[in-house]
Amino acid sequence: MIFCLGELVIIVLFAVYLLTTAKSERWTKPQNVMRLSIFALIFVAIVIFIPLYFAYRNCKKLQ
């Protein structure tokens, strides 16, 4: 029960962080997107990792 609550808190904090920094210039750099996607894969969920992977791939194409 406590583990599930802790995981829910991590997911909510992660989502708040993503939404508040969505317009930031830092997300145009592939290195920052890769760090975030690795964090999502390890600590959050595979469901969140998938769109971050596509964002990383598009970011690499732009540069």
PDB file of N, CA and C in Angstrom:
ATOM      1  N   MET A   1       0.824  -1.197   0.000  1.00  0.00           N
ATOM      2  CA  MET A   1       0.000   0.000   0.000  1.00  0.00           C
ATOM      3  C   MET A   1       0.867   1.258   0.000  1.00  0.00           C
ATOM      4  N   ILE A   2       1.874   1.288   0.854  1.00  0.00           N
ATOM      5  CA  ILE A   2       2.740   2.466   0.932  1.00  0.00           C
ATOM      6  C   ILE A   2       3.590   2.578  -0.329  1.00  0.00           C
ATOM      7  N   PHE A   3       4.016   1.443  -0.881  1.00  0.00           N
ATOM      8  CA  PHE A   3       4.798   1.467  -2.117  1.00  0.00           C
ATOM      9  C   PHE A   3       3.984   2.078  -3.253  1.00  0.00           C
ATOM     10  N   CYS A   4       2.721   1.683  -3.358  1.00  0.00           N
ATOM     11  CA  CYS A   4       1.854   2.221  -4.416  1.00  0.00           C
ATOM     12  C   CYS A   4       1.624   3.713  -4.230  1.00  0.00           C
ATOM     13  N   LEU A   5       1.475   4.139  -3.000  1.00  0.00           N
ATOM     14  CA  LEU A   5       1.288   5.557  -2.722  1.00  0.00           C
ATOM     15  C   LEU A   5       2.549   6.344  -3.074  1.00  0.00           C
ATOM     16  N   GLY A   6       3.709   5.786  -2.759  1.00  0.00           N
ATOM     17  CA  GLY A   6       4.973   6.429  -3.111  1.00  0.00           C
ATOM     18  C   GLY A   6       5.157   6.536  -4.612  1.00  0.00           C
ATOM     19  N   GLU A   7       4.794   5.481  -5.315  1.00  0.00           N
ATOM     20  CA  GLU A   7       4.905   5.504  -6.771  1.00  0.00           C
ATOM     21  C   GLU A   7       3.951   6.531  -7.376  1.00  0.00           C
ATOM     22  N   LEU A   8       2.769   6.641  -6.820  1.00  0.00           N
ATOM     23  CA  LEU A   8       1.809   7.631  -7.291  1.00  0.00           C
ATOM     24  C   LEU A   8       2.331   9.048  -7.071  1.00  0.00           C
ATOM     25  N   VAL A   9       2.962   9.292  -5.951  1.00  0.00           N
ATOM     26  CA  VAL A   9       3.539  10.609  -5.669  1.00  0.00           C
ATOM     27  C   VAL A   9       4.642  10.928  -6.675  1.00  0.00           C
ATOM     28  N   ILE A  10       5.500   9.958  -6.981  1.00  0.00           N
ATOM     29  CA  ILE A  10       6.572  10.168  -7.959  1.00  0.00           C
ATOM     30  C   ILE A  10       5.992  10.493  -9.333  1.00  0.00           C
ATOM     31  N   ILE A  11       4.966   9.782  -9.740  1.00  0.00           N
ATOM     32  CA  ILE A  11       4.350  10.022 -11.048  1.00  0.00           C
ATOM     33  C   ILE A  11       3.722  11.412 -11.113  1.00  0.00           C
ATOM     34  N   VAL A  12       3.038  11.807 -10.054  1.00  0.00           N
ATOM     35  CA  VAL A  12       2.405  13.127 -10.037  1.00  0.00           C
ATOM     36  C   VAL A  12       3.461  14.229 -10.069  1.00  0.00           C
ATOM     37  N   LEU A  13       4.512  14.097  -9.279  1.00  0.00           N
ATOM     38  CA  LEU A  13       5.578  15.101  -9.279  1.00  0.00           C
ATOM     39  C   LEU A  13       6.270  15.173 -10.636  1.00  0.00           C
ATOM     40  N   PHE A  14       6.481  14.029 -11.257  1.00  0.00           N
ATOM     41  CA  PHE A  14       7.098  13.978 -12.582  1.00  0.00           C
ATOM     42  C   PHE A  14       6.213  14.682 -13.611  1.00  0.00           C
ATOM     43  N   ALA A  15       4.917  14.428 -13.557  1.00  0.00           N
ATOM     44  CA  ALA A  15       3.991  15.069 -14.491  1.00  0.00           C
ATOM     45  C   ALA A  15       3.943  16.581 -14.282  1.00  0.00           C
ATOM     46  N   VAL A  16       3.945  17.015 -13.043  1.00  0.00           N
ATOM     47  CA  VAL A  16       3.942  18.452 -12.751  1.00  0.00           C
ATOM     48  C   VAL A  16       5.216  19.096 -13.282  1.00  0.00           C
ATOM     49  N   TYR A  17       6.345  18.435 -13.095  1.00  0.00           N
ATOM     50  CA  TYR A  17       7.621  18.954 -13.601  1.00  0.00           C
ATOM     51  C   TYR A  17       7.591  19.084 -15.121  1.00  0.00           C
ATOM     52  N   LEU A  18       7.096  18.060 -15.793  1.00  0.00           N
ATOM     53  CA  LEU A  18       7.032  18.105 -17.259  1.00  0.00           C
ATOM     54  C   LEU A  18       6.115  19.218 -17.749  1.00  0.00           C
ATOM     55  N   LEU A  19       4.977  19.359 -17.120  1.00  0.00           N
ATOM     56  CA  LEU A  19       4.024  20.371 -17.571  1.00  0.00           C
ATOM     57  C   LEU A  19       4.496  21.789 -17.289  1.00  0.00           C
ATOM     58  N   THR A  20       5.197  22.000 -16.192  1.00  0.00           N
ATOM     59  CA  THR A  20       5.645  23.355 -15.875  1.00  0.00           C
ATOM     60  C   THR A  20       6.856  23.779 -16.698  1.00  0.00           C
ATOM     61  N   THR A  21       7.627  22.833 -17.200  1.00  0.00           N
ATOM     62  CA  THR A  21       8.814  23.180 -17.979  1.00  0.00           C
ATOM     63  C   THR A  21       8.657  22.851 -19.462  1.00  0.00           C
ATOM     64  N   ALA A  22       7.447  22.640 -19.917  1.00  0.00           N
ATOM     65  CA  ALA A  22       7.220  22.203 -21.299  1.00  0.00           C
ATOM     66  C   ALA A  22       7.677  23.229 -22.330  1.00  0.00           C
ATOM     67  N   LYS A  23       7.562  24.497 -22.039  1.00  0.00           N
ATOM     68  CA  LYS A  23       7.936  25.547 -22.994  1.00  0.00           C
ATOM     69  C   LYS A  23       9.392  25.977 -22.855  1.00  0.00           C
ATOM     70  N   SER A  24      10.130  25.324 -22.006  1.00  0.00           N
ATOM     71  CA  SER A  24      11.517  25.701 -21.743  1.00  0.00           C
ATOM     72  C   SER A  24      12.419  25.337 -22.923  1.00  0.00           C
ATOM     73  N   GLU A  25      13.478  26.104 -23.084  1.00  0.00           N
ATOM     74  CA  GLU A  25      14.449  25.859 -24.155  1.00  0.00           C
ATOM     75  C   GLU A  25      15.253  24.579 -23.923  1.00  0.00           C
ATOM     76  N   ARG A  26      15.314  24.125 -22.696  1.00  0.00           N
ATOM     77  CA  ARG A  26      16.143  22.951 -22.403  1.00  0.00           C
ATOM     78  C   ARG A  26      15.649  21.688 -23.095  1.00  0.00           C
ATOM     79  N   TRP A  27      14.370  21.633 -23.461  1.00  0.00           N
ATOM     80  CA  TRP A  27      13.838  20.429 -24.087  1.00  0.00           C
ATOM     81  C   TRP A  27      14.102  20.382 -25.584  1.00  0.00           C
ATOM     82  N   THR A  28      14.837  21.358 -26.112  1.00  0.00           N
ATOM     83  CA  THR A  28      15.246  21.284 -27.514  1.00  0.00           C
ATOM     84  C   THR A  28      16.598  20.599 -27.653  1.00  0.00           C
ATOM     85  N   LYS A  29      17.237  20.276 -26.546  1.00  0.00           N
ATOM     86  CA  LYS A  29      18.525  19.586 -26.558  1.00  0.00           C
ATOM     87  C   LYS A  29      18.306  18.087 -26.353  1.00  0.00           C
ATOM     88  N   PRO A  30      18.801  17.263 -27.271  1.00  0.00           N
ATOM     89  CA  PRO A  30      18.590  15.819 -27.167  1.00  0.00           C
ATOM     90  C   PRO A  30      19.135  15.211 -25.875  1.00  0.00           C
ATOM     91  N   GLN A  31      20.224  15.735 -25.366  1.00  0.00           N
ATOM     92  CA  GLN A  31      20.826  15.177 -24.152  1.00  0.00           C
ATOM     93  C   GLN A  31      19.868  15.295 -22.960  1.00  0.00           C
ATOM     94  N   ASN A  32      19.193  16.423 -22.839  1.00  0.00           N
ATOM     95  CA  ASN A  32      18.258  16.610 -21.728  1.00  0.00           C
ATOM     96  C   ASN A  32      17.036  15.707 -21.862  1.00  0.00           C
ATOM     97  N   VAL A  33      16.555  15.532 -23.085  1.00  0.00           N
ATOM     98  CA  VAL A  33      15.409  14.657 -23.307  1.00  0.00           C
ATOM     99  C   VAL A  33      15.794  13.215 -23.003  1.00  0.00           C
ATOM    100  N   MET A  34      17.012  12.808 -23.350  1.00  0.00           N
ATOM    101  CA  MET A  34      17.452  11.446 -23.064  1.00  0.00           C
ATOM    102  C   MET A  34      17.548  11.210 -21.556  1.00  0.00           C
ATOM    103  N   ARG A  35      18.071  12.176 -20.817  1.00  0.00           N
ATOM    104  CA  ARG A  35      18.134  12.037 -19.352  1.00  0.00           C
ATOM    105  C   ARG A  35      16.744  11.852 -18.759  1.00  0.00           C
ATOM    106  N   LEU A  36      15.816  12.642 -19.232  1.00  0.00           N
ATOM    107  CA  LEU A  36      14.456  12.564 -18.722  1.00  0.00           C
ATOM    108  C   LEU A  36      13.813  11.230 -19.077  1.00  0.00           C
ATOM    109  N   SER A  37      14.055  10.738 -20.281  1.00  0.00           N
ATOM    110  CA  SER A  37      13.458   9.466 -20.672  1.00  0.00           C
ATOM    111  C   SER A  37      14.062   8.301 -19.903  1.00  0.00           C
ATOM    112  N   ILE A  38      15.352   8.348 -19.595  1.00  0.00           N
ATOM    113  CA  ILE A  38      15.961   7.297 -18.774  1.00  0.00           C
ATOM    114  C   ILE A  38      15.377   7.329 -17.366  1.00  0.00           C
ATOM    115  N   PHE A  39      15.208   8.525 -16.807  1.00  0.00           N
ATOM    116  CA  PHE A  39      14.577   8.644 -15.490  1.00  0.00           C
ATOM    117  C   PHE A  39      13.166   8.067 -15.515  1.00  0.00           C
ATOM    118  N   ALA A  40      12.418   8.379 -16.576  1.00  0.00           N
ATOM    119  CA  ALA A  40      11.049   7.870 -16.686  1.00  0.00           C
ATOM    120  C   ALA A  40      11.035   6.357 -16.810  1.00  0.00           C
ATOM    121  N   LEU A  41      11.959   5.806 -17.550  1.00  0.00           N
ATOM    122  CA  LEU A  41      12.011   4.360 -17.734  1.00  0.00           C
ATOM    123  C   LEU A  41      12.319   3.651 -16.426  1.00  0.00           C
ATOM    124  N   ILE A  42      13.228   4.197 -15.636  1.00  0.00           N
ATOM    125  CA  ILE A  42      13.639   3.544 -14.394  1.00  0.00           C
ATOM    126  C   ILE A  42      12.645   3.784 -13.261  1.00  0.00           C
ATOM    127  N   PHE A  43      12.227   5.026 -13.071  1.00  0.00           N
ATOM    128  CA  PHE A  43      11.471   5.371 -11.872  1.00  0.00           C
ATOM    129  C   PHE A  43       9.968   5.550 -12.078  1.00  0.00           C
ATOM    130  N   VAL A  44       9.530   5.850 -13.279  1.00  0.00           N
ATOM    131  CA  VAL A  44       8.117   6.193 -13.439  1.00  0.00           C
ATOM    132  C   VAL A  44       7.371   5.044 -14.114  1.00  0.00           C
ATOM    133  N   ALA A  45       7.380   4.994 -15.437  1.00  0.00           N
ATOM    134  CA  ALA A  45       6.641   3.939 -16.127  1.00  0.00           C
ATOM    135  C   ALA A  45       7.060   3.887 -17.590  1.00  0.00           C
ATOM    136  N   ILE A  46       6.900   2.724 -18.173  1.00  0.00           N
ATOM    137  CA  ILE A  46       7.231   2.542 -19.586  1.00  0.00           C
ATOM    138  C   ILE A  46       6.272   3.349 -20.464  1.00  0.00           C
ATOM    139  N   VAL A  47       5.052   3.573 -19.997  1.00  0.00           N
ATOM    140  CA  VAL A  47       4.056   4.316 -20.771  1.00  0.00           C
ATOM    141  C   VAL A  47       4.511   5.759 -20.995  1.00  0.00           C
ATOM    142  N   ILE A  48       5.183   6.342 -20.031  1.00  0.00           N
ATOM    143  CA  ILE A  48       5.685   7.706 -20.167  1.00  0.00           C
ATOM    144  C   ILE A  48       6.972   7.728 -20.986  1.00  0.00           C
ATOM    145  N   PHE A  49       7.730   6.643 -20.959  1.00  0.00           N
ATOM    146  CA  PHE A  49       8.983   6.573 -21.706  1.00  0.00           C
ATOM    147  C   PHE A  49       8.747   6.611 -23.214  1.00  0.00           C
ATOM    148  N   ILE A  50       7.686   6.011 -23.685  1.00  0.00           N
ATOM    149  CA  ILE A  50       7.444   5.886 -25.127  1.00  0.00           C
ATOM    150  C   ILE A  50       7.324   7.252 -25.818  1.00  0.00           C
ATOM    151  N   PRO A  51       6.468   8.182 -25.354  1.00  0.00           N
ATOM    152  CA  PRO A  51       6.437   9.488 -26.031  1.00  0.00           C
ATOM    153  C   PRO A  51       7.726  10.277 -25.871  1.00  0.00           C
ATOM    154  N   LEU A  52       8.426  10.087 -24.750  1.00  0.00           N
ATOM    155  CA  LEU A  52       9.703  10.770 -24.577  1.00  0.00           C
ATOM    156  C   LEU A  52      10.737  10.253 -25.568  1.00  0.00           C
ATOM    157  N   TYR A  53      10.683   8.978 -25.900  1.00  0.00           N
ATOM    158  CA  TYR A  53      11.585   8.424 -26.906  1.00  0.00           C
ATOM    159  C   TYR A  53      11.328   9.072 -28.270  1.00  0.00           C
ATOM    160  N   PHE A  54      10.056   9.225 -28.627  1.00  0.00           N
ATOM    161  CA  PHE A  54       9.731   9.863 -29.905  1.00  0.00           C
ATOM    162  C   PHE A  54      10.155  11.327 -29.912  1.00  0.00           C
ATOM    163  N   ALA A  55      10.024  12.001 -28.775  1.00  0.00           N
ATOM    164  CA  ALA A  55      10.483  13.392 -28.680  1.00  0.00           C
ATOM    165  C   ALA A  55      11.995  13.463 -28.846  1.00  0.00           C
ATOM    166  N   TYR A  56      12.718  12.520 -28.257  1.00  0.00           N
ATOM    167  CA  TYR A  56      14.176  12.481 -28.395  1.00  0.00           C
ATOM    168  C   TYR A  56      14.567  12.262 -29.851  1.00  0.00           C
ATOM    169  N   ARG A  57      13.884  11.346 -30.499  1.00  0.00           N
ATOM    170  CA  ARG A  57      14.189  11.047 -31.899  1.00  0.00           C
ATOM    171  C   ARG A  57      13.935  12.263 -32.791  1.00  0.00           C
ATOM    172  N   ASN A  58      12.836  12.965 -32.564  1.00  0.00           N
ATOM    173  CA  ASN A  58      12.546  14.169 -33.346  1.00  0.00           C
ATOM    174  C   ASN A  58      13.529  15.283 -33.042  1.00  0.00           C
ATOM    175  N   CYS A  59      13.958  15.370 -31.804  1.00  0.00           N
ATOM    176  CA  CYS A  59      14.925  16.393 -31.409  1.00  0.00           C
ATOM    177  C   CYS A  59      16.267  16.149 -32.106  1.00  0.00           C
ATOM    178  N   LYS A  60      16.663  14.892 -32.226  1.00  0.00           N
ATOM    179  CA  LYS A  60      17.911  14.558 -32.922  1.00  0.00           C
ATOM    180  C   LYS A  60      17.814  14.900 -34.408  1.00  0.00           C
ATOM    181  N   LYS A  61      16.646  14.701 -35.010  1.00  0.00           N
ATOM    182  CA  LYS A  61      16.470  15.015 -36.427  1.00  0.00           C
ATOM    183  C   LYS A  61      16.575  16.512 -36.686  1.00  0.00           C
ATOM    184  N   LEU A  62      16.088  17.322 -35.738  1.00  0.00           N
ATOM    185  CA  LEU A  62      16.127  18.771 -35.915  1.00  0.00           C
ATOM    186  C   LEU A  62      17.542  19.318 -35.835  1.00  0.00           C
ATOM    187  N   GLN A  63      18.405  18.635 -35.134  1.00  0.00           N
ATOM    188  CA  GLN A  63      19.764  19.139 -34.971  1.00  0.00           C
ATOM    189  C   GLN A  63      20.642  18.434 -35.910  1.00  0.00           C
TER     190      GLN A  63
END
